[in-house]
Structure formats: C-alpha cells, structure tokens
Amino acid sequence: MVKKIGIKLVLAGLLVVSAGQAQAGDPPASFKKCSACHKIDADNTAWTMGPGLKGIGKRASKAYLEKILKDPQGAFDAGGPEIEALKAGAKFKPKLLMPKAVQGLSADDIKSLVDYLMAL
C-alpha cells in the first residue's frame, strides 16, 4: 500500500515537472536576432517591424514555425492559413524581411526557437 502511494507520488511529480518545462522560460540565445523586430508580450495586432509573438503557439503549428525559420521567403510565398492570418493582422503590407535574421541558424537553434515559441 505504501509502495503504491509512493509510486503515484513520484509519477505525479514527473507530471508537474513536465508541465513546468512546457512553459516559456528564458528565450534561447538565438532569439536575440528575433527580438529586434518581434515582441513576445504583444499579439499579432501589435506590429513593430514584425508581428507580436504572444500566443504564437496557438496561432501557428510547430511544422509552420520550423518551415518559416528554415526558409522564410519560401514559406511566405507558399501562403497558407498562418500566412493569411499574419497578413490580416498587419498594419502594412508584409513582404517578409526575415531571411537575413535566420541565416546561419543551426538545426538545434531552430528546434530551441520553435520549442520556445510554442510555449509563448
């Protein structure tokens, strides 16, 4: 009986740790380039140079974020629901100025950025 309770407590603790890890913590170092144009405390209606990223994990799929970080212009030109939503929230006609900002990102950089963005 005590052993079963102990096991349940350990499993409950693992679930709590997993849930905490899903929350956005400190941004990865590679986010510094992004923050020049994107704000994390503003949504898609609060544009500076680029759309705000608050809630981006609810507005865009993980696959879309990976695609736009790997090939921004290609993803933008291909369109799709995420791009149409992006354009709808824009205060000016977006042309996508991001390619230079994501040049040189490694696969690990992209993964850490996507994980961070999905948790916002």
PDB file of N, CA and C in Angstrom:
ATOM      1  N   MET A   1       0.825  -1.197   0.000  1.00  0.00           N
ATOM      2  CA  MET A   1       0.000   0.000   0.000  1.00  0.00           C
ATOM      3  C   MET A   1       0.867   1.258   0.000  1.00  0.00           C
ATOM      4  N   VAL A   2       1.841   1.324   0.910  1.00  0.00           N
ATOM      5  CA  VAL A   2       2.735   2.479   0.995  1.00  0.00           C
ATOM      6  C   VAL A   2       3.554   2.593  -0.288  1.00  0.00           C
ATOM      7  N   LYS A   3       3.974   1.438  -0.814  1.00  0.00           N
ATOM      8  CA  LYS A   3       4.769   1.431  -2.044  1.00  0.00           C
ATOM      9  C   LYS A   3       3.956   2.003  -3.216  1.00  0.00           C
ATOM     10  N   LYS A   4       2.665   1.628  -3.309  1.00  0.00           N
ATOM     11  CA  LYS A   4       1.804   2.131  -4.383  1.00  0.00           C
ATOM     12  C   LYS A   4       1.626   3.641  -4.275  1.00  0.00           C
ATOM     13  N   ILE A   5       1.439   4.129  -3.053  1.00  0.00           N
ATOM     14  CA  ILE A   5       1.280   5.570  -2.849  1.00  0.00           C
ATOM     15  C   ILE A   5       2.562   6.295  -3.242  1.00  0.00           C
ATOM     16  N   GLY A   6       3.708   5.732  -2.863  1.00  0.00           N
ATOM     17  CA  GLY A   6       4.996   6.335  -3.212  1.00  0.00           C
ATOM     18  C   GLY A   6       5.185   6.421  -4.713  1.00  0.00           C
ATOM     19  N   ILE A   7       4.825   5.365  -5.415  1.00  0.00           N
ATOM     20  CA  ILE A   7       4.950   5.350  -6.876  1.00  0.00           C
ATOM     21  C   ILE A   7       4.037   6.408  -7.496  1.00  0.00           C
ATOM     22  N   LYS A   8       2.809   6.516  -6.978  1.00  0.00           N
ATOM     23  CA  LYS A   8       1.879   7.522  -7.503  1.00  0.00           C
ATOM     24  C   LYS A   8       2.411   8.935  -7.275  1.00  0.00           C
ATOM     25  N   LEU A   9       3.029   9.179  -6.125  1.00  0.00           N
ATOM     26  CA  LEU A   9       3.591  10.498  -5.841  1.00  0.00           C
ATOM     27  C   LEU A   9       4.746  10.821  -6.781  1.00  0.00           C
ATOM     28  N   VAL A  10       5.590   9.829  -7.048  1.00  0.00           N
ATOM     29  CA  VAL A  10       6.704  10.032  -7.978  1.00  0.00           C
ATOM     30  C   VAL A  10       6.168  10.358  -9.370  1.00  0.00           C
ATOM     31  N   LEU A  11       5.174   9.602  -9.824  1.00  0.00           N
ATOM     32  CA  LEU A  11       4.588   9.860 -11.140  1.00  0.00           C
ATOM     33  C   LEU A  11       3.931  11.235 -11.196  1.00  0.00           C
ATOM     34  N   ALA A  12       3.240  11.617 -10.128  1.00  0.00           N
ATOM     35  CA  ALA A  12       2.626  12.946 -10.082  1.00  0.00           C
ATOM     36  C   ALA A  12       3.697  14.030 -10.149  1.00  0.00           C
ATOM     37  N   GLY A  13       4.818  13.816  -9.480  1.00  0.00           N
ATOM     38  CA  GLY A  13       5.925  14.771  -9.524  1.00  0.00           C
ATOM     39  C   GLY A  13       6.498  14.898 -10.916  1.00  0.00           C
ATOM     40  N   LEU A  14       6.596  13.793 -11.630  1.00  0.00           N
ATOM     41  CA  LEU A  14       7.092  13.835 -13.004  1.00  0.00           C
ATOM     42  C   LEU A  14       6.150  14.633 -13.897  1.00  0.00           C
ATOM     43  N   LEU A  15       4.856  14.466 -13.688  1.00  0.00           N
ATOM     44  CA  LEU A  15       3.893  15.221 -14.484  1.00  0.00           C
ATOM     45  C   LEU A  15       3.998  16.712 -14.214  1.00  0.00           C
ATOM     46  N   VAL A  16       4.212  17.091 -12.969  1.00  0.00           N
ATOM     47  CA  VAL A  16       4.353  18.505 -12.625  1.00  0.00           C
ATOM     48  C   VAL A  16       5.602  19.082 -13.272  1.00  0.00           C
ATOM     49  N   VAL A  17       6.712  18.354 -13.222  1.00  0.00           N
ATOM     50  CA  VAL A  17       7.948  18.821 -13.848  1.00  0.00           C
ATOM     51  C   VAL A  17       7.749  18.964 -15.349  1.00  0.00           C
ATOM     52  N   SER A  18       7.104  17.987 -15.977  1.00  0.00           N
ATOM     53  CA  SER A  18       6.881  18.057 -17.419  1.00  0.00           C
ATOM     54  C   SER A  18       6.029  19.257 -17.786  1.00  0.00           C
ATOM     55  N   ALA A  19       4.993  19.536 -17.023  1.00  0.00           N
ATOM     56  CA  ALA A  19       4.135  20.682 -17.313  1.00  0.00           C
ATOM     57  C   ALA A  19       4.908  21.981 -17.156  1.00  0.00           C
ATOM     58  N   GLY A  20       5.757  22.076 -16.171  1.00  0.00           N
ATOM     59  CA  GLY A  20       6.556  23.280 -15.956  1.00  0.00           C
ATOM     60  C   GLY A  20       7.545  23.503 -17.072  1.00  0.00           C
ATOM     61  N   GLN A  21       8.079  22.433 -17.610  1.00  0.00           N
ATOM     62  CA  GLN A  21       9.045  22.572 -18.690  1.00  0.00           C
ATOM     63  C   GLN A  21       8.383  23.058 -19.971  1.00  0.00           C
ATOM     64  N   ALA A  22       7.080  22.861 -20.099  1.00  0.00           N
ATOM     65  CA  ALA A  22       6.384  23.290 -21.306  1.00  0.00           C
ATOM     66  C   ALA A  22       6.148  24.794 -21.324  1.00  0.00           C
ATOM     67  N   GLN A  23       6.287  25.438 -20.175  1.00  0.00           N
ATOM     68  CA  GLN A  23       6.088  26.880 -20.118  1.00  0.00           C
ATOM     69  C   GLN A  23       7.303  27.585 -20.703  1.00  0.00           C
ATOM     70  N   ALA A  24       7.057  28.748 -21.289  1.00  0.00           N
ATOM     71  CA  ALA A  24       8.165  29.526 -21.847  1.00  0.00           C
ATOM     72  C   ALA A  24       9.018  30.059 -20.712  1.00  0.00           C
ATOM     73  N   GLY A  25      10.277  29.766 -20.761  1.00  0.00           N
ATOM     74  CA  GLY A  25      11.209  30.295 -19.774  1.00  0.00           C
ATOM     75  C   GLY A  25      12.005  31.406 -20.428  1.00  0.00           C
ATOM     76  N   ASP A  26      13.278  31.424 -20.139  1.00  0.00           N
ATOM     77  CA  ASP A  26      14.146  32.402 -20.784  1.00  0.00           C
ATOM     78  C   ASP A  26      14.298  32.036 -22.256  1.00  0.00           C
ATOM     79  N   PRO A  27      14.296  33.026 -23.125  1.00  0.00           N
ATOM     80  CA  PRO A  27      14.451  32.720 -24.547  1.00  0.00           C
ATOM     81  C   PRO A  27      15.840  32.166 -24.842  1.00  0.00           C
ATOM     82  N   PRO A  28      15.937  31.307 -25.860  1.00  0.00           N
ATOM     83  CA  PRO A  28      17.253  30.812 -26.248  1.00  0.00           C
ATOM     84  C   PRO A  28      18.114  31.960 -26.779  1.00  0.00           C
ATOM     85  N   ALA A  29      19.411  31.785 -26.757  1.00  0.00           N
ATOM     86  CA  ALA A  29      20.337  32.835 -27.210  1.00  0.00           C
ATOM     87  C   ALA A  29      20.033  33.274 -28.641  1.00  0.00           C
ATOM     88  N   SER A  30      19.613  32.341 -29.480  1.00  0.00           N
ATOM     89  CA  SER A  30      19.335  32.669 -30.880  1.00  0.00           C
ATOM     90  C   SER A  30      18.124  33.589 -31.035  1.00  0.00           C
ATOM     91  N   PHE A  31      17.327  33.761 -29.982  1.00  0.00           N
ATOM     92  CA  PHE A  31      16.156  34.639 -30.055  1.00  0.00           C
ATOM     93  C   PHE A  31      16.552  36.113 -30.120  1.00  0.00           C
ATOM     94  N   LYS A  32      17.779  36.424 -29.761  1.00  0.00           N
ATOM     95  CA  LYS A  32      18.224  37.821 -29.760  1.00  0.00           C
ATOM     96  C   LYS A  32      17.998  38.475 -31.126  1.00  0.00           C
ATOM     97  N   LYS A  33      18.282  37.737 -32.196  1.00  0.00           N
ATOM     98  CA  LYS A  33      18.044  38.268 -33.546  1.00  0.00           C
ATOM     99  C   LYS A  33      16.556  38.545 -33.765  1.00  0.00           C
ATOM    100  N   CYS A  34      15.712  37.667 -33.263  1.00  0.00           N
ATOM    101  CA  CYS A  34      14.263  37.795 -33.459  1.00  0.00           C
ATOM    102  C   CYS A  34      13.711  39.018 -32.741  1.00  0.00           C
ATOM    103  N   SER A  35      14.237  39.266 -31.539  1.00  0.00           N
ATOM    104  CA  SER A  35      13.671  40.318 -30.692  1.00  0.00           C
ATOM    105  C   SER A  35      13.913  41.727 -31.235  1.00  0.00           C
ATOM    106  N   ALA A  36      14.740  41.857 -32.250  1.00  0.00           N
ATOM    107  CA  ALA A  36      14.927  43.167 -32.875  1.00  0.00           C
ATOM    108  C   ALA A  36      13.646  43.620 -33.580  1.00  0.00           C
ATOM    109  N   CYS A  37      12.854  42.669 -34.064  1.00  0.00           N
ATOM    110  CA  CYS A  37      11.640  43.003 -34.817  1.00  0.00           C
ATOM    111  C   CYS A  37      10.353  42.463 -34.193  1.00  0.00           C
ATOM    112  N   HIS A  38      10.459  41.442 -33.359  1.00  0.00           N
ATOM    113  CA  HIS A  38       9.285  40.792 -32.773  1.00  0.00           C
ATOM    114  C   HIS A  38       9.274  40.989 -31.267  1.00  0.00           C
ATOM    115  N   LYS A  39       8.095  41.261 -30.727  1.00  0.00           N
ATOM    116  CA  LYS A  39       7.930  41.406 -29.283  1.00  0.00           C
ATOM    117  C   LYS A  39       7.164  40.203 -28.742  1.00  0.00           C
ATOM    118  N   ILE A  40       7.609  39.663 -27.600  1.00  0.00           N
ATOM    119  CA  ILE A  40       6.954  38.475 -27.052  1.00  0.00           C
ATOM    120  C   ILE A  40       5.740  38.812 -26.194  1.00  0.00           C
ATOM    121  N   ASP A  41       5.579  40.068 -25.812  1.00  0.00           N
ATOM    122  CA  ASP A  41       4.446  40.434 -24.960  1.00  0.00           C
ATOM    123  C   ASP A  41       3.324  41.110 -25.745  1.00  0.00           C
ATOM    124  N   ALA A  42       3.350  40.969 -27.065  1.00  0.00           N
ATOM    125  CA  ALA A  42       2.322  41.573 -27.917  1.00  0.00           C
ATOM    126  C   ALA A  42       1.813  40.525 -28.897  1.00  0.00           C
ATOM    127  N   ASP A  43       0.531  40.620 -29.262  1.00  0.00           N
ATOM    128  CA  ASP A  43      -0.016  39.652 -30.203  1.00  0.00           C
ATOM    129  C   ASP A  43       0.156  40.139 -31.647  1.00  0.00           C
ATOM    130  N   ASN A  44      -0.492  39.450 -32.577  1.00  0.00           N
ATOM    131  CA  ASN A  44      -0.319  39.737 -33.999  1.00  0.00           C
ATOM    132  C   ASN A  44      -0.826  41.120 -34.394  1.00  0.00           C
ATOM    133  N   THR A  45      -1.642  41.753 -33.561  1.00  0.00           N
ATOM    134  CA  THR A  45      -2.170  43.073 -33.913  1.00  0.00           C
ATOM    135  C   THR A  45      -1.222  44.195 -33.512  1.00  0.00           C
ATOM    136  N   ALA A  46      -0.208  43.888 -32.732  1.00  0.00           N
ATOM    137  CA  ALA A  46       0.728  44.912 -32.243  1.00  0.00           C
ATOM    138  C   ALA A  46       2.055  44.792 -32.981  1.00  0.00           C
ATOM    139  N   TRP A  47       2.087  45.270 -34.178  1.00  0.00           N
ATOM    140  CA  TRP A  47       3.287  45.170 -35.005  1.00  0.00           C
ATOM    141  C   TRP A  47       4.288  46.252 -34.641  1.00  0.00           C
ATOM    142  N   THR A  48       5.539  45.902 -34.642  1.00  0.00           N
ATOM    143  CA  THR A  48       6.627  46.872 -34.634  1.00  0.00           C
ATOM    144  C   THR A  48       7.175  46.772 -36.046  1.00  0.00           C
ATOM    145  N   MET A  49       8.185  45.958 -36.246  1.00  0.00           N
ATOM    146  CA  MET A  49       8.647  45.643 -37.596  1.00  0.00           C
ATOM    147  C   MET A  49       8.009  44.325 -38.034  1.00  0.00           C
ATOM    148  N   GLY A  50       7.854  43.403 -37.090  1.00  0.00           N
ATOM    149  CA  GLY A  50       7.235  42.111 -37.355  1.00  0.00           C
ATOM    150  C   GLY A  50       6.095  41.887 -36.384  1.00  0.00           C
ATOM    151  N   PRO A  51       5.323  40.828 -36.593  1.00  0.00           N
ATOM    152  CA  PRO A  51       4.176  40.581 -35.717  1.00  0.00           C
ATOM    153  C   PRO A  51       4.617  40.231 -34.296  1.00  0.00           C
ATOM    154  N   GLY A  52       3.756  40.567 -33.340  1.00  0.00           N
ATOM    155  CA  GLY A  52       3.998  40.162 -31.966  1.00  0.00           C
ATOM    156  C   GLY A  52       3.899  38.648 -31.848  1.00  0.00           C
ATOM    157  N   LEU A  53       4.618  38.074 -30.906  1.00  0.00           N
ATOM    158  CA  LEU A  53       4.688  36.621 -30.799  1.00  0.00           C
ATOM    159  C   LEU A  53       3.869  36.036 -29.653  1.00  0.00           C
ATOM    160  N   LYS A  54       3.209  36.878 -28.876  1.00  0.00           N
ATOM    161  CA  LYS A  54       2.392  36.375 -27.769  1.00  0.00           C
ATOM    162  C   LYS A  54       1.320  35.434 -28.323  1.00  0.00           C
ATOM    163  N   GLY A  55       1.271  34.223 -27.812  1.00  0.00           N
ATOM    164  CA  GLY A  55       0.276  33.253 -28.256  1.00  0.00           C
ATOM    165  C   GLY A  55       0.559  32.628 -29.608  1.00  0.00           C
ATOM    166  N   ILE A  56       1.770  32.779 -30.123  1.00  0.00           N
ATOM    167  CA  ILE A  56       2.093  32.241 -31.452  1.00  0.00           C
ATOM    168  C   ILE A  56       1.895  30.723 -31.505  1.00  0.00           C
ATOM    169  N   GLY A  57       2.124  30.048 -30.380  1.00  0.00           N
ATOM    170  CA  GLY A  57       1.933  28.597 -30.340  1.00  0.00           C
ATOM    171  C   GLY A  57       0.487  28.179 -30.525  1.00  0.00           C
ATOM    172  N   LYS A  58      -0.440  29.103 -30.302  1.00  0.00           N
ATOM    173  CA  LYS A  58      -1.859  28.826 -30.523  1.00  0.00           C
ATOM    174  C   LYS A  58      -2.286  29.238 -31.932  1.00  0.00           C
ATOM    175  N   ARG A  59      -1.532  30.135 -32.544  1.00  0.00           N
ATOM    176  CA  ARG A  59      -1.881  30.634 -33.880  1.00  0.00           C
ATOM    177  C   ARG A  59      -1.182  29.886 -35.004  1.00  0.00           C
ATOM    178  N   ALA A  60      -0.088  29.235 -34.697  1.00  0.00           N
ATOM    179  CA  ALA A  60       0.706  28.575 -35.737  1.00  0.00           C
ATOM    180  C   ALA A  60       1.108  27.179 -35.279  1.00  0.00           C
ATOM    181  N   SER A  61       1.238  26.296 -36.229  1.00  0.00           N
ATOM    182  CA  SER A  61       1.661  24.933 -35.912  1.00  0.00           C
ATOM    183  C   SER A  61       3.182  24.874 -35.761  1.00  0.00           C
ATOM    184  N   LYS A  62       3.631  23.835 -35.098  1.00  0.00           N
ATOM    185  CA  LYS A  62       5.069  23.614 -34.933  1.00  0.00           C
ATOM    186  C   LYS A  62       5.731  23.451 -36.304  1.00  0.00           C
ATOM    187  N   ALA A  63       5.070  22.714 -37.188  1.00  0.00           N
ATOM    188  CA  ALA A  63       5.616  22.488 -38.536  1.00  0.00           C
ATOM    189  C   ALA A  63       5.765  23.812 -39.294  1.00  0.00           C
ATOM    190  N   TYR A  64       4.781  24.699 -39.154  1.00  0.00           N
ATOM    191  CA  TYR A  64       4.854  26.001 -39.815  1.00  0.00           C
ATOM    192  C   TYR A  64       6.028  26.810 -39.276  1.00  0.00           C
ATOM    193  N   LEU A  65       6.194  26.843 -37.955  1.00  0.00           N
ATOM    194  CA  LEU A  65       7.299  27.607 -37.364  1.00  0.00           C
ATOM    195  C   LEU A  65       8.645  27.065 -37.831  1.00  0.00           C
ATOM    196  N   GLU A  66       8.770  25.736 -37.888  1.00  0.00           N
ATOM    197  CA  GLU A  66      10.017  25.141 -38.385  1.00  0.00           C
ATOM    198  C   GLU A  66      10.253  25.560 -39.834  1.00  0.00           C
ATOM    199  N   LYS A  67       9.195  25.513 -40.637  1.00  0.00           N
ATOM    200  CA  LYS A  67       9.319  25.844 -42.059  1.00  0.00           C
ATOM    201  C   LYS A  67       9.725  27.303 -42.253  1.00  0.00           C
ATOM    202  N   ILE A  68       9.095  28.218 -41.524  1.00  0.00           N
ATOM    203  CA  ILE A  68       9.392  29.636 -41.743  1.00  0.00           C
ATOM    204  C   ILE A  68      10.769  30.011 -41.209  1.00  0.00           C
ATOM    205  N   LEU A  69      11.279  29.269 -40.230  1.00  0.00           N
ATOM    206  CA  LEU A  69      12.636  29.530 -39.744  1.00  0.00           C
ATOM    207  C   LEU A  69      13.691  28.936 -40.679  1.00  0.00           C
ATOM    208  N   LYS A  70      13.350  27.851 -41.372  1.00  0.00           N
ATOM    209  CA  LYS A  70      14.296  27.233 -42.309  1.00  0.00           C
ATOM    210  C   LYS A  70      14.311  27.960 -43.653  1.00  0.00           C
ATOM    211  N   ASP A  71      13.132  28.358 -44.136  1.00  0.00           N
ATOM    212  CA  ASP A  71      13.006  29.005 -45.450  1.00  0.00           C
ATOM    213  C   ASP A  71      11.910  30.068 -45.376  1.00  0.00           C
ATOM    214  N   PRO A  72      12.218  31.215 -44.779  1.00  0.00           N
ATOM    215  CA  PRO A  72      11.185  32.230 -44.555  1.00  0.00           C
ATOM    216  C   PRO A  72      10.465  32.677 -45.823  1.00  0.00           C
ATOM    217  N   GLN A  73      11.216  33.000 -46.855  1.00  0.00           N
ATOM    218  CA  GLN A  73      10.578  33.504 -48.068  1.00  0.00           C
ATOM    219  C   GLN A  73       9.754  32.419 -48.743  1.00  0.00           C
ATOM    220  N   GLY A  74      10.262  31.196 -48.764  1.00  0.00           N
ATOM    221  CA  GLY A  74       9.516  30.090 -49.358  1.00  0.00           C
ATOM    222  C   GLY A  74       8.202  29.836 -48.634  1.00  0.00           C
ATOM    223  N   ALA A  75       8.238  29.859 -47.305  1.00  0.00           N
ATOM    224  CA  ALA A  75       7.023  29.657 -46.513  1.00  0.00           C
ATOM    225  C   ALA A  75       6.041  30.797 -46.743  1.00  0.00           C
ATOM    226  N   PHE A  76       6.554  32.007 -46.805  1.00  0.00           N
ATOM    227  CA  PHE A  76       5.706  33.182 -47.016  1.00  0.00           C
ATOM    228  C   PHE A  76       5.050  33.134 -48.392  1.00  0.00           C
ATOM    229  N   ASP A  77       5.845  32.828 -49.414  1.00  0.00           N
ATOM    230  CA  ASP A  77       5.329  32.773 -50.784  1.00  0.00           C
ATOM    231  C   ASP A  77       4.320  31.644 -50.973  1.00  0.00           C
ATOM    232  N   ALA A  78       4.499  30.533 -50.243  1.00  0.00           N
ATOM    233  CA  ALA A  78       3.599  29.390 -50.361  1.00  0.00           C
ATOM    234  C   ALA A  78       2.224  29.688 -49.770  1.00  0.00           C
ATOM    235  N   GLY A  79       2.157  30.649 -48.859  1.00  0.00           N
ATOM    236  CA  GLY A  79       0.877  31.015 -48.251  1.00  0.00           C
ATOM    237  C   GLY A  79       0.391  29.963 -47.274  1.00  0.00           C
ATOM    238  N   GLY A  80      -0.887  29.937 -47.051  1.00  0.00           N
ATOM    239  CA  GLY A  80      -1.481  29.016 -46.096  1.00  0.00           C
ATOM    240  C   GLY A  80      -2.181  29.788 -44.988  1.00  0.00           C
ATOM    241  N   PRO A  81      -2.879  29.071 -44.106  1.00  0.00           N
ATOM    242  CA  PRO A  81      -3.678  29.755 -43.084  1.00  0.00           C
ATOM    243  C   PRO A  81      -2.861  30.646 -42.151  1.00  0.00           C
ATOM    244  N   GLU A  82      -1.662  30.211 -41.785  1.00  0.00           N
ATOM    245  CA  GLU A  82      -0.841  31.026 -40.889  1.00  0.00           C
ATOM    246  C   GLU A  82      -0.429  32.338 -41.558  1.00  0.00           C
ATOM    247  N   ILE A  83      -0.049  32.255 -42.826  1.00  0.00           N
ATOM    248  CA  ILE A  83       0.366  33.455 -43.561  1.00  0.00           C
ATOM    249  C   ILE A  83      -0.819  34.396 -43.756  1.00  0.00           C
ATOM    250  N   GLU A  84      -1.985  33.849 -44.068  1.00  0.00           N
ATOM    251  CA  GLU A  84      -3.169  34.702 -44.248  1.00  0.00           C
ATOM    252  C   GLU A  84      -3.535  35.400 -42.939  1.00  0.00           C
ATOM    253  N   ALA A  85      -3.416  34.696 -41.817  1.00  0.00           N
ATOM    254  CA  ALA A  85      -3.684  35.311 -40.512  1.00  0.00           C
ATOM    255  C   ALA A  85      -2.650  36.391 -40.218  1.00  0.00           C
ATOM    256  N   LEU A  86      -1.415  36.134 -40.592  1.00  0.00           N
ATOM    257  CA  LEU A  86      -0.344  37.113 -40.405  1.00  0.00           C
ATOM    258  C   LEU A  86      -0.648  38.383 -41.193  1.00  0.00           C
ATOM    259  N   LYS A  87      -1.024  38.213 -42.448  1.00  0.00           N
ATOM    260  CA  LYS A  87      -1.337  39.364 -43.297  1.00  0.00           C
ATOM    261  C   LYS A  87      -2.558  40.119 -42.774  1.00  0.00           C
ATOM    262  N   ALA A  88      -3.536  39.389 -42.243  1.00  0.00           N
ATOM    263  CA  ALA A  88      -4.759  40.022 -41.744  1.00  0.00           C
ATOM    264  C   ALA A  88      -4.474  40.925 -40.548  1.00  0.00           C
ATOM    265  N   GLY A  89      -3.484  40.570 -39.744  1.00  0.00           N
ATOM    266  CA  GLY A  89      -3.161  41.365 -38.568  1.00  0.00           C
ATOM    267  C   GLY A  89      -2.172  42.478 -38.835  1.00  0.00           C
ATOM    268  N   ALA A  90      -1.652  42.544 -40.047  1.00  0.00           N
ATOM    269  CA  ALA A  90      -0.613  43.525 -40.369  1.00  0.00           C
ATOM    270  C   ALA A  90      -1.183  44.926 -40.533  1.00  0.00           C
ATOM    271  N   LYS A  91      -0.412  45.894 -40.109  1.00  0.00           N
ATOM    272  CA  LYS A  91      -0.810  47.289 -40.286  1.00  0.00           C
ATOM    273  C   LYS A  91      -0.258  47.846 -41.597  1.00  0.00           C
ATOM    274  N   PHE A  92       0.553  47.066 -42.261  1.00  0.00           N
ATOM    275  CA  PHE A  92       1.107  47.433 -43.557  1.00  0.00           C
ATOM    276  C   PHE A  92       1.275  46.142 -44.333  1.00  0.00           C
ATOM    277  N   LYS A  93       1.588  46.226 -45.602  1.00  0.00           N
ATOM    278  CA  LYS A  93       1.704  45.023 -46.428  1.00  0.00           C
ATOM    279  C   LYS A  93       3.020  44.311 -46.127  1.00  0.00           C
ATOM    280  N   PRO A  94       2.944  43.164 -45.452  1.00  0.00           N
ATOM    281  CA  PRO A  94       4.191  42.454 -45.147  1.00  0.00           C
ATOM    282  C   PRO A  94       4.801  41.829 -46.397  1.00  0.00           C
ATOM    283  N   LYS A  95       6.113  41.919 -46.488  1.00  0.00           N
ATOM    284  CA  LYS A  95       6.848  41.330 -47.611  1.00  0.00           C
ATOM    285  C   LYS A  95       7.810  40.264 -47.126  1.00  0.00           C
ATOM    286  N   LEU A  96       7.961  40.133 -45.843  1.00  0.00           N
ATOM    287  CA  LEU A  96       8.883  39.233 -45.180  1.00  0.00           C
ATOM    288  C   LEU A  96      10.316  39.717 -45.321  1.00  0.00           C
ATOM    289  N   LEU A  97      10.803  40.257 -44.278  1.00  0.00           N
ATOM    290  CA  LEU A  97      12.162  40.782 -44.238  1.00  0.00           C
ATOM    291  C   LEU A  97      13.066  39.918 -43.367  1.00  0.00           C
ATOM    292  N   MET A  98      12.617  38.744 -43.028  1.00  0.00           N
ATOM    293  CA  MET A  98      13.282  37.913 -42.040  1.00  0.00           C
ATOM    294  C   MET A  98      14.459  37.073 -42.540  1.00  0.00           C
ATOM    295  N   PRO A  99      14.642  36.811 -43.798  1.00  0.00           N
ATOM    296  CA  PRO A  99      15.681  35.856 -44.196  1.00  0.00           C
ATOM    297  C   PRO A  99      17.062  36.111 -43.611  1.00  0.00           C
ATOM    298  N   LYS A 100      17.515  37.356 -43.559  1.00  0.00           N
ATOM    299  CA  LYS A 100      18.852  37.617 -43.025  1.00  0.00           C
ATOM    300  C   LYS A 100      18.942  37.299 -41.543  1.00  0.00           C
ATOM    301  N   ALA A 101      17.855  37.486 -40.827  1.00  0.00           N
ATOM    302  CA  ALA A 101      17.858  37.227 -39.382  1.00  0.00           C
ATOM    303  C   ALA A 101      18.009  35.745 -39.068  1.00  0.00           C
ATOM    304  N   VAL A 102      17.522  34.875 -39.944  1.00  0.00           N
ATOM    305  CA  VAL A 102      17.585  33.443 -39.653  1.00  0.00           C
ATOM    306  C   VAL A 102      18.734  32.734 -40.364  1.00  0.00           C
ATOM    307  N   GLN A 103      19.503  33.465 -41.155  1.00  0.00           N
ATOM    308  CA  GLN A 103      20.654  32.841 -41.809  1.00  0.00           C
ATOM    309  C   GLN A 103      21.625  32.343 -40.747  1.00  0.00           C
ATOM    310  N   GLY A 104      22.131  31.176 -40.953  1.00  0.00           N
ATOM    311  CA  GLY A 104      23.132  30.631 -40.049  1.00  0.00           C
ATOM    312  C   GLY A 104      22.569  29.940 -38.823  1.00  0.00           C
ATOM    313  N   LEU A 105      21.245  29.836 -38.706  1.00  0.00           N
ATOM    314  CA  LEU A 105      20.686  29.106 -37.572  1.00  0.00           C
ATOM    315  C   LEU A 105      20.907  27.613 -37.784  1.00  0.00           C
ATOM    316  N   SER A 106      21.400  26.960 -36.773  1.00  0.00           N
ATOM    317  CA  SER A 106      21.596  25.512 -36.851  1.00  0.00           C
ATOM    318  C   SER A 106      20.264  24.808 -36.607  1.00  0.00           C
ATOM    319  N   ALA A 107      20.232  23.518 -36.863  1.00  0.00           N
ATOM    320  CA  ALA A 107      19.030  22.727 -36.589  1.00  0.00           C
ATOM    321  C   ALA A 107      18.676  22.801 -35.104  1.00  0.00           C
ATOM    322  N   ASP A 108      19.693  22.801 -34.236  1.00  0.00           N
ATOM    323  CA  ASP A 108      19.449  22.918 -32.790  1.00  0.00           C
ATOM    324  C   ASP A 108      18.879  24.287 -32.439  1.00  0.00           C
ATOM    325  N   ASP A 109      19.387  25.355 -33.092  1.00  0.00           N
ATOM    326  CA  ASP A 109      18.847  26.702 -32.869  1.00  0.00           C
ATOM    327  C   ASP A 109      17.366  26.750 -33.242  1.00  0.00           C
ATOM    328  N   ILE A 110      17.050  26.190 -34.391  1.00  0.00           N
ATOM    329  CA  ILE A 110      15.664  26.199 -34.864  1.00  0.00           C
ATOM    330  C   ILE A 110      14.775  25.419 -33.911  1.00  0.00           C
ATOM    331  N   LYS A 111      15.242  24.259 -33.470  1.00  0.00           N
ATOM    332  CA  LYS A 111      14.451  23.456 -32.527  1.00  0.00           C
ATOM    333  C   LYS A 111      14.210  24.220 -31.235  1.00  0.00           C
ATOM    334  N   SER A 112      15.244  24.845 -30.683  1.00  0.00           N
ATOM    335  CA  SER A 112      15.066  25.566 -29.418  1.00  0.00           C
ATOM    336  C   SER A 112      14.159  26.783 -29.604  1.00  0.00           C
ATOM    337  N   LEU A 113      14.261  27.457 -30.739  1.00  0.00           N
ATOM    338  CA  LEU A 113      13.371  28.590 -31.018  1.00  0.00           C
ATOM    339  C   LEU A 113      11.919  28.137 -31.144  1.00  0.00           C
ATOM    340  N   VAL A 114      11.696  27.056 -31.879  1.00  0.00           N
ATOM    341  CA  VAL A 114      10.331  26.551 -32.066  1.00  0.00           C
ATOM    342  C   VAL A 114       9.745  26.114 -30.727  1.00  0.00           C
ATOM    343  N   ASP A 115      10.520  25.397 -29.928  1.00  0.00           N
ATOM    344  CA  ASP A 115      10.032  24.971 -28.609  1.00  0.00           C
ATOM    345  C   ASP A 115       9.667  26.181 -27.753  1.00  0.00           C
ATOM    346  N   TYR A 116      10.500  27.209 -27.781  1.00  0.00           N
ATOM    347  CA  TYR A 116      10.242  28.428 -27.017  1.00  0.00           C
ATOM    348  C   TYR A 116       8.976  29.125 -27.528  1.00  0.00           C
ATOM    349  N   LEU A 117       8.867  29.277 -28.843  1.00  0.00           N
ATOM    350  CA  LEU A 117       7.715  29.967 -29.424  1.00  0.00           C
ATOM    351  C   LEU A 117       6.411  29.217 -29.162  1.00  0.00           C
ATOM    352  N   MET A 118       6.440  27.895 -29.219  1.00  0.00           N
ATOM    353  CA  MET A 118       5.232  27.110 -28.972  1.00  0.00           C
ATOM    354  C   MET A 118       4.736  27.285 -27.538  1.00  0.00           C
ATOM    355  N   ALA A 119       5.628  27.618 -26.630  1.00  0.00           N
ATOM    356  CA  ALA A 119       5.247  27.784 -25.223  1.00  0.00           C
ATOM    357  C   ALA A 119       4.791  29.207 -24.891  1.00  0.00           C
ATOM    358  N   LEU A 120       4.922  30.131 -25.843  1.00  0.00           N
ATOM    359  CA  LEU A 120       4.509  31.522 -25.561  1.00  0.00           C
ATOM    360  C   LEU A 120       2.999  31.645 -25.501  1.00  0.00           C
TER     361      LEU A 120
END
